[in-house]
Protein backbone atom coordinates (compact mmCIF):
# COMPACT_ATOMS: atom_id res chain seq x y z
CA UNK A 1 143.14 80.52 74.94
CA UNK A 2 141.13 83.72 76.17
CA UNK A 3 140.78 86.51 73.52
CA UNK A 4 142.02 89.81 74.40
CA UNK A 5 138.69 91.33 73.62
CA UNK A 6 137.21 89.44 76.53
CA UNK A 7 138.95 91.55 79.06
CA UNK A 8 136.60 93.31 81.52
CA UNK A 9 136.02 96.79 80.65
CA UNK A 10 135.47 99.54 83.15
CA UNK A 11 131.82 99.99 84.19
CA UNK A 12 130.70 96.53 82.59
CA UNK A 13 129.14 93.59 84.31
CA UNK A 14 130.28 90.11 83.85
CA UNK A 15 128.66 88.51 80.94
CA UNK A 16 128.09 85.12 79.25
CA UNK A 17 130.95 82.69 78.26
CA UNK A 18 131.19 82.48 74.51
CA UNK A 19 132.74 79.54 72.83
CA UNK A 20 133.57 79.74 69.31
CA UNK A 21 136.40 79.88 66.59
CA UNK A 22 134.07 81.33 63.93
CA UNK A 23 135.35 85.16 63.79
CA UNK A 24 132.38 86.68 62.10
CA UNK A 25 129.95 84.94 64.67
CA UNK A 26 132.24 86.05 67.53
CA UNK A 27 132.04 89.69 66.25
CA UNK A 28 128.50 89.60 66.21
CA UNK A 29 128.10 88.11 69.88
CA UNK A 30 130.57 90.72 71.15
CA UNK A 31 128.63 93.40 69.65
CA UNK A 32 125.47 92.12 71.20
CA UNK A 33 127.21 91.79 74.62
CA UNK A 34 128.44 95.48 74.30
CA UNK A 35 124.73 96.37 73.49
CA UNK A 36 123.61 94.55 76.73
CA UNK A 37 126.40 96.32 78.72
CA UNK A 38 128.20 92.79 79.51
CA UNK A 39 131.73 91.71 79.02
CA UNK A 40 132.06 88.03 78.08
CA UNK A 41 134.73 85.51 78.48
CA UNK A 42 135.72 83.95 75.19
CA UNK A 43 136.99 80.46 74.54
CA UNK A 44 137.44 78.36 71.66
CA UNK A 45 136.13 75.21 73.35
CA UNK A 46 135.16 74.32 77.12
CA UNK A 47 137.64 76.01 79.19
CA UNK A 48 140.07 73.88 81.37
CA UNK A 49 139.94 76.45 84.21
CA UNK A 50 137.63 74.95 86.82
CA UNK A 51 134.18 76.55 87.53
CA UNK A 52 134.25 78.73 84.34
CA UNK A 53 131.83 76.54 82.47
CA UNK A 54 129.68 75.85 85.51
CA UNK A 55 129.71 79.40 86.96
CA UNK A 56 129.21 81.76 83.80
CA UNK A 57 125.65 83.23 83.97
CA UNK A 58 124.91 81.76 80.51
CA UNK A 59 126.87 79.96 77.89
CA UNK A 60 126.69 80.84 74.03
CA UNK A 61 127.94 77.86 72.09
CA UNK A 62 128.74 78.51 68.25
CA UNK A 63 127.80 76.05 65.76
CA UNK A 64 131.33 75.45 65.18
CA UNK A 65 132.14 74.59 68.77
CA UNK A 66 129.26 72.26 69.43
CA UNK A 67 131.30 69.04 68.90
CA UNK A 68 134.11 70.28 71.22
CA UNK A 69 131.46 70.77 73.78
CA UNK A 70 130.12 67.18 74.10
CA UNK A 71 130.71 65.61 77.46
CA UNK A 72 130.84 68.83 79.41
CA UNK A 73 128.70 69.14 82.56
CA UNK A 74 125.03 69.63 82.04
CA UNK A 75 123.80 72.94 83.12
CA UNK A 76 121.05 75.57 82.66
CA UNK A 77 121.51 78.59 80.43
CA UNK A 78 123.30 77.06 77.37
CA UNK A 79 122.39 78.20 74.01
CA UNK A 80 123.60 77.11 70.56
CA UNK A 81 123.98 79.96 68.29
CA UNK A 82 124.65 80.28 64.62
CA UNK A 83 123.61 81.88 61.16
CA UNK A 84 122.48 79.00 59.01
CA UNK A 85 118.58 79.02 58.98
CA UNK A 86 118.37 75.81 57.08
CA UNK A 87 121.07 73.45 58.84
CA UNK A 88 119.00 70.23 59.61
CA UNK A 89 121.50 69.10 62.23
CA UNK A 90 121.32 71.92 64.63
CA UNK A 91 118.67 70.42 66.84
CA UNK A 92 120.78 66.98 67.13
CA UNK A 93 123.77 69.13 68.10
CA UNK A 94 121.64 71.09 70.73
CA UNK A 95 120.70 67.94 72.33
CA UNK A 96 124.03 66.63 72.37
CA UNK A 97 125.30 69.55 74.40
CA UNK A 98 122.22 70.11 76.48
CA UNK A 99 121.30 73.42 75.20
CA UNK A 100 118.21 75.09 76.55
CA UNK A 101 117.58 76.68 72.97
CA UNK A 102 118.83 77.15 69.44
CA UNK A 103 119.13 80.76 68.14
CA UNK A 104 119.72 81.88 64.52
CA UNK A 105 121.14 85.30 63.96
CA UNK A 106 120.42 87.90 62.97
CA UNK A 107 116.67 87.04 63.59
CA UNK A 108 117.20 86.40 67.31
CA UNK A 109 119.45 89.51 68.01
CA UNK A 110 116.90 91.45 69.96
CA UNK A 111 115.86 88.61 72.19
CA UNK A 112 119.34 87.62 72.85
CA UNK A 113 120.61 91.09 73.84
CA UNK A 114 117.68 91.01 76.54
CA UNK A 115 118.65 87.67 77.68
CA UNK A 116 122.54 88.62 78.07
CA UNK A 117 121.56 91.79 80.08
CA UNK A 118 119.28 89.66 82.50
CA UNK A 119 122.01 87.31 82.98
CA UNK A 120 124.60 89.84 83.52
CA UNK A 121 122.41 91.68 85.86
CA UNK A 122 121.62 88.45 87.90
CA UNK A 123 117.95 89.07 87.57
CA UNK A 124 115.67 87.62 90.34
CA UNK A 125 112.42 88.88 91.57
CA UNK A 126 111.49 92.20 90.05
CA UNK A 127 110.76 95.22 92.20
CA UNK A 128 107.39 95.51 93.88
CA UNK A 129 106.33 98.70 91.86
CA UNK A 130 103.86 101.06 93.36
CA UNK A 131 102.23 104.02 91.58
CA UNK A 132 100.97 107.09 93.65
CA UNK A 133 98.42 109.45 91.97
CA UNK A 134 96.32 112.25 93.31
CA UNK A 135 92.68 112.18 93.08
CA UNK A 136 92.69 115.93 92.64
CA UNK A 137 95.50 118.49 92.36
CA UNK A 138 97.24 119.11 95.81
CA UNK A 139 96.07 115.80 97.12
CA UNK A 140 99.47 114.93 98.52
CA UNK A 141 100.52 112.17 96.17
CA UNK A 142 104.01 113.45 95.75
CA UNK A 143 104.38 113.71 99.52
CA UNK A 144 103.24 110.00 99.89
CA UNK A 145 105.42 108.94 97.20
CA UNK A 146 108.40 110.43 98.71
CA UNK A 147 107.58 109.13 102.14
CA UNK A 148 107.12 105.76 100.75
CA UNK A 149 110.52 105.65 99.25
CA UNK A 150 112.32 107.28 102.24
CA UNK A 151 110.78 104.66 104.51
CA UNK A 152 111.64 101.71 102.30
CA UNK A 153 115.29 102.78 101.89
CA UNK A 154 115.71 103.47 105.59
CA UNK A 155 114.50 99.79 106.23
CA UNK A 156 117.34 98.59 104.01
CA UNK A 157 115.47 97.74 100.82
CA UNK A 158 116.88 98.84 97.44
CA UNK A 159 114.77 101.71 96.47
CA UNK A 160 114.14 103.63 93.36
CA UNK A 161 111.76 106.75 93.19
CA UNK A 162 110.62 107.80 89.71
CA UNK A 163 109.05 111.16 89.01
CA UNK A 164 106.51 110.48 86.39
CA UNK A 165 104.97 114.13 86.45
CA UNK A 166 106.80 116.74 84.63
CA UNK A 167 104.61 119.39 85.92
CA UNK A 168 104.97 118.39 89.47
CA UNK A 169 107.94 120.58 90.37
CA UNK A 170 110.47 117.75 90.73
CA UNK A 171 110.76 114.98 93.53
CA UNK A 172 114.52 115.96 93.83
CA UNK A 173 113.41 119.38 95.12
CA UNK A 174 111.08 117.61 97.66
CA UNK A 175 113.91 115.52 98.79
CA UNK A 176 116.26 118.39 99.05
CA UNK A 177 118.47 117.31 96.19
CA UNK A 178 118.01 119.49 93.41
CA UNK A 179 121.69 120.16 92.97
CA UNK A 180 122.72 116.71 93.52
CA UNK A 181 124.71 115.06 90.61
CA UNK A 182 123.29 112.47 88.39
CA UNK A 183 120.97 112.12 85.25
CA UNK A 184 117.44 113.38 85.16
CA UNK A 185 114.59 112.65 82.75
CA UNK A 186 115.90 114.78 79.69
CA UNK A 187 118.87 112.39 79.57
CA UNK A 188 116.23 109.27 78.99
CA UNK A 189 113.21 110.77 77.34
CA UNK A 190 114.04 109.77 73.79
CA UNK A 191 115.59 106.44 74.86
CA UNK A 192 114.77 103.40 72.63
CA UNK A 193 115.38 99.82 73.22
CA UNK A 194 116.73 98.36 76.65
CA UNK A 195 118.08 100.31 79.29
CA UNK A 196 120.91 98.56 81.52
CA UNK A 197 119.33 98.34 85.16
CA UNK A 198 122.70 98.55 86.69
CA UNK A 199 123.68 101.56 84.73
CA UNK A 200 120.45 103.22 85.30
CA UNK A 201 120.75 102.97 89.19
CA UNK A 202 124.34 104.02 89.14
CA UNK A 203 123.83 107.05 87.04
CA UNK A 204 120.91 108.58 89.21
CA UNK A 205 121.28 110.94 92.23
CA UNK A 206 121.56 109.11 95.34
CA UNK A 207 119.29 110.91 98.24
CA UNK A 208 118.49 109.56 101.44
CA UNK A 209 119.94 106.05 100.65
CA UNK A 210 117.66 105.75 97.57
CA UNK A 211 118.03 106.53 93.76
CA UNK A 212 115.87 109.35 92.41
CA UNK A 213 114.88 109.98 88.50
CA UNK A 214 113.44 113.46 88.44
CA UNK A 215 113.34 116.41 86.11
CA UNK A 216 115.78 119.22 85.57
CA UNK A 217 115.18 122.73 85.83
CA UNK A 218 115.36 123.37 82.12
CA UNK A 219 112.64 123.30 79.45
CA UNK A 220 109.93 120.67 79.40
CA UNK A 221 110.56 117.70 77.65
CA UNK A 222 108.25 114.95 76.48
CA UNK A 223 109.17 111.32 77.60
CA UNK A 224 108.32 109.13 74.75
CA UNK A 225 106.45 105.76 75.56
CA UNK A 226 109.42 103.54 74.67
CA UNK A 227 111.53 105.54 76.95
CA UNK A 228 109.12 105.12 79.95
CA UNK A 229 108.79 101.38 79.25
CA UNK A 230 112.37 100.85 78.95
CA UNK A 231 113.24 102.83 82.22
CA UNK A 232 110.62 101.31 84.41
CA UNK A 233 111.65 97.87 83.03
CA UNK A 234 115.23 98.54 83.93
CA UNK A 235 114.39 99.78 87.50
CA UNK A 236 112.05 96.65 87.98
CA UNK A 237 114.73 94.32 87.06
CA UNK A 238 117.14 95.59 90.08
CA UNK A 239 114.61 94.24 92.71
CA UNK A 240 113.50 95.83 95.95
CA UNK A 241 110.86 98.39 95.55
CA UNK A 242 110.09 101.20 92.83
CA UNK A 243 107.80 104.07 93.63
CA UNK A 244 106.32 105.98 90.76
CA UNK A 245 104.80 109.44 91.35
CA UNK A 246 102.26 109.66 88.41
CA UNK A 247 100.42 112.62 86.89
CA UNK A 248 96.71 112.85 86.74
CA UNK A 249 96.38 112.59 82.91
CA UNK A 250 96.66 109.61 81.12
CA UNK A 251 98.73 109.97 78.03
CA UNK A 252 100.79 107.21 76.18
CA UNK A 253 103.87 107.56 78.51
CA UNK A 254 101.62 107.17 81.60
CA UNK A 255 99.86 104.10 80.13
CA UNK A 256 103.29 102.51 79.80
CA UNK A 257 103.99 103.31 83.33
CA UNK A 258 100.64 102.03 84.58
CA UNK A 259 101.16 98.66 82.70
CA UNK A 260 104.33 97.99 84.86
CA UNK A 261 102.71 98.70 88.22
CA UNK A 262 101.87 95.98 90.69
CA UNK A 263 99.51 98.33 92.39
CA UNK A 264 98.34 101.97 92.38
CA UNK A 265 97.55 104.19 95.50
CA UNK A 266 94.96 106.93 94.68
CA UNK A 267 95.27 109.78 97.26
CA UNK A 268 91.89 111.41 97.99
CA UNK A 269 91.23 114.35 100.12
CA UNK A 270 88.08 113.70 102.35
CA UNK A 271 85.87 116.29 100.59
CA UNK A 272 82.99 115.79 98.10
CA UNK A 273 84.52 117.67 95.20
CA UNK A 274 87.69 115.86 95.58
CA UNK A 275 85.90 112.37 95.64
CA UNK A 276 84.06 113.60 92.39
CA UNK A 277 87.42 114.36 90.88
CA UNK A 278 89.00 111.09 92.06
CA UNK A 279 86.10 109.08 90.54
CA UNK A 280 87.16 110.37 86.97
CA UNK A 281 90.80 109.76 87.70
CA UNK A 282 90.12 106.17 88.89
CA UNK A 283 87.84 105.74 85.62
CA UNK A 284 90.89 106.42 83.32
CA UNK A 285 93.47 104.85 85.51
CA UNK A 286 91.41 101.56 86.01
CA UNK A 287 91.32 101.13 82.06
CA UNK A 288 95.07 100.03 82.35
CA UNK A 289 95.65 99.36 86.06
CA UNK A 290 93.53 96.72 87.75
CA UNK A 291 94.83 96.89 91.32
CA UNK A 292 94.11 100.43 92.28
CA UNK A 293 93.50 101.43 96.14
CA UNK A 294 92.30 104.35 97.87
CA UNK A 295 94.44 106.30 100.51
CA UNK A 296 92.17 108.87 102.26
CA UNK A 297 93.76 112.19 103.47
CA UNK A 298 91.93 114.20 106.16
CA UNK A 299 90.42 116.46 107.51
CA UNK A 300 87.17 115.13 106.74
CA UNK A 301 84.28 117.21 105.60
CA UNK A 302 80.94 116.56 107.54
CA UNK A 303 79.45 113.15 106.93
CA UNK A 304 82.42 111.65 105.45
CA UNK A 305 84.90 108.91 106.45
CA UNK A 306 87.39 106.63 104.55
CA UNK A 307 85.01 103.80 104.24
CA UNK A 308 82.32 105.99 102.66
CA UNK A 309 84.83 107.48 100.19
CA UNK A 310 86.26 104.00 99.22
CA UNK A 311 82.82 102.47 98.73
CA UNK A 312 81.68 105.64 96.59
CA UNK A 313 84.82 105.14 94.33
CA UNK A 314 84.31 101.38 94.19
CA UNK A 315 87.84 100.62 95.27
CA UNK A 316 89.43 99.11 98.37
CA UNK A 317 90.72 101.06 100.96
CA UNK A 318 94.65 101.00 101.54
CA UNK A 319 94.54 103.23 104.62
CA UNK A 320 93.97 106.80 105.92
CA UNK A 321 96.92 109.03 105.52
CA UNK A 322 97.65 110.70 108.84
CA UNK A 323 98.24 114.26 109.38
CA UNK A 324 101.89 115.28 110.45
CA UNK A 325 102.39 118.44 112.33
CA UNK A 326 105.35 120.49 111.09
CA UNK A 327 105.63 118.49 107.84
CA UNK A 328 105.80 121.66 105.71
CA UNK A 329 108.45 123.27 107.96
CA UNK A 330 110.59 120.20 108.07
CA UNK A 331 110.65 120.19 104.29
CA UNK A 332 111.61 123.68 104.02
CA UNK A 333 114.47 122.71 106.12
CA UNK A 334 115.59 119.93 103.86
CA UNK A 335 114.01 117.01 105.73
CA UNK A 336 111.85 115.11 103.11
CA UNK A 337 108.49 113.39 103.97
CA UNK A 338 108.88 110.21 106.15
CA UNK A 339 112.24 111.22 107.36
CA UNK A 340 110.98 111.40 110.93
CA UNK A 341 111.22 107.58 111.69
CA UNK A 342 108.69 107.98 114.76
CA UNK A 343 106.41 110.27 112.86
CA UNK A 344 102.83 109.08 111.79
CA UNK A 345 103.55 109.53 108.16
CA UNK A 346 106.60 107.19 108.46
CA UNK A 347 104.45 104.72 110.56
CA UNK A 348 101.81 104.79 107.98
CA UNK A 349 104.45 103.86 105.07
CA UNK A 350 106.12 101.41 107.29
CA UNK A 351 103.07 99.40 107.92
CA UNK A 352 102.17 99.71 104.05
CA UNK A 353 105.41 98.13 103.14
CA UNK A 354 105.00 95.33 105.73
CA UNK A 355 101.69 94.29 104.33
CA UNK A 356 102.55 94.74 100.84
CA UNK A 357 105.87 92.71 100.96
CA UNK A 358 104.34 90.10 103.12
CA UNK A 359 103.66 87.77 100.14
CA UNK A 360 99.96 87.76 100.34
CA UNK A 361 99.32 90.59 98.23
CA UNK A 362 97.12 92.34 100.90
CA UNK A 363 97.66 96.19 101.60
CA UNK A 364 94.44 97.09 102.92
CA UNK A 365 94.29 98.46 106.24
C-alpha cells in the first residue's frame, strides 16, 4: 500500500523508496526528503510492483521493516535507518538485507539530506568549473567569462555562468538580459545549507542557451561564504561546465568560490604595470587555488610577449586572448562576447574547451 503522502508534488524530483510502518520514523524521513527537494515512494515492505525496488535511486529501510526485506534483490544504495543508538542487532539486520550503511537519527540527518538530494538529482560527473579573474581592472575577465560560457552552451554543453563580482556591473547586462525573468544573487545571498541543483538551474534566467546567476540593479548585497559554497556546489552537481567571473579581491566568499574551482584563468594585459598588478592577484589567489593559468591579452608593449609574461608570473600559459574587431559595437547591439561562431574570440574559447574537456587536464596552448 502506497502512502498518499508519497504522491509526486509539482516541482519535486523523484526521491528514494521508503520502507517502514513506523509513523514517527516515516514523518522524519518525509521531512528530510522535503528538505532535499525530493518526493519519495512509501511502502510497508518490498513492493510487489516489478522494478520499484530495483529502480529507485536509493532505498531507506526502517528498522521495523528490515525483517520484511530479507530475500529482496541485492542492490546498491540501501540504507537501514532508525533512532535507537544502542541496538546491538542493527548490524546483523543490515547484513541480512545488504545495506550499504546504518543511519541513526537525528545524528545522521544532515548527511542523509545530502545523499537524498544527490540521488534525486542523479549526480554523475561534476561540472568542470573554471574561474576567470582580471590581473588588473579592465583586463577583460568578464568578456572572457561570457565568451567561454556562450561557446560552451553553443556546443550543446549544460552551462552555468556565475557572476562572483558584485561591482562588475552584472553579467546579465553583458549578455543583453538584464530584463530577463529569474532569480539573482540577492535571492541567494543569505542561503544556509544545501541548495538543490535542479531548483537552482530552473530558477535562473536563461540567456543564449545558458543559465546565468548575476546581480540585480538594487542596492549592493553581501554574499555570505556559506551561500557561495552552497550555490557553487549545487551548480557543480548538475554537470557540464560552470564558469565563474571572479573579483580581484579575496574575501571569505571568494575563497569559498576558489576552493571549488578546477582551474583559474588570470587575464593579463601585455603591459608592465598590468603584469606587476597581476603578480599580486596571483599571489593571493594561489593561496587557495593551485591550478592558476595565464591568458595574455594584447596589444603588446615593447619587449613583451606571452611567454615572457607567463614566466614573469611563474604560471603556465593557457593562451593568448585574440583581439576581435567590432566586439564593443556588437555588445552594444545585444550580441554577447563569443556569439560570433567564426570570430577569433569564439575560436579561442572553443579550443580551450576542447583541451580542457579532453580528459588529460591540459589547457595550455
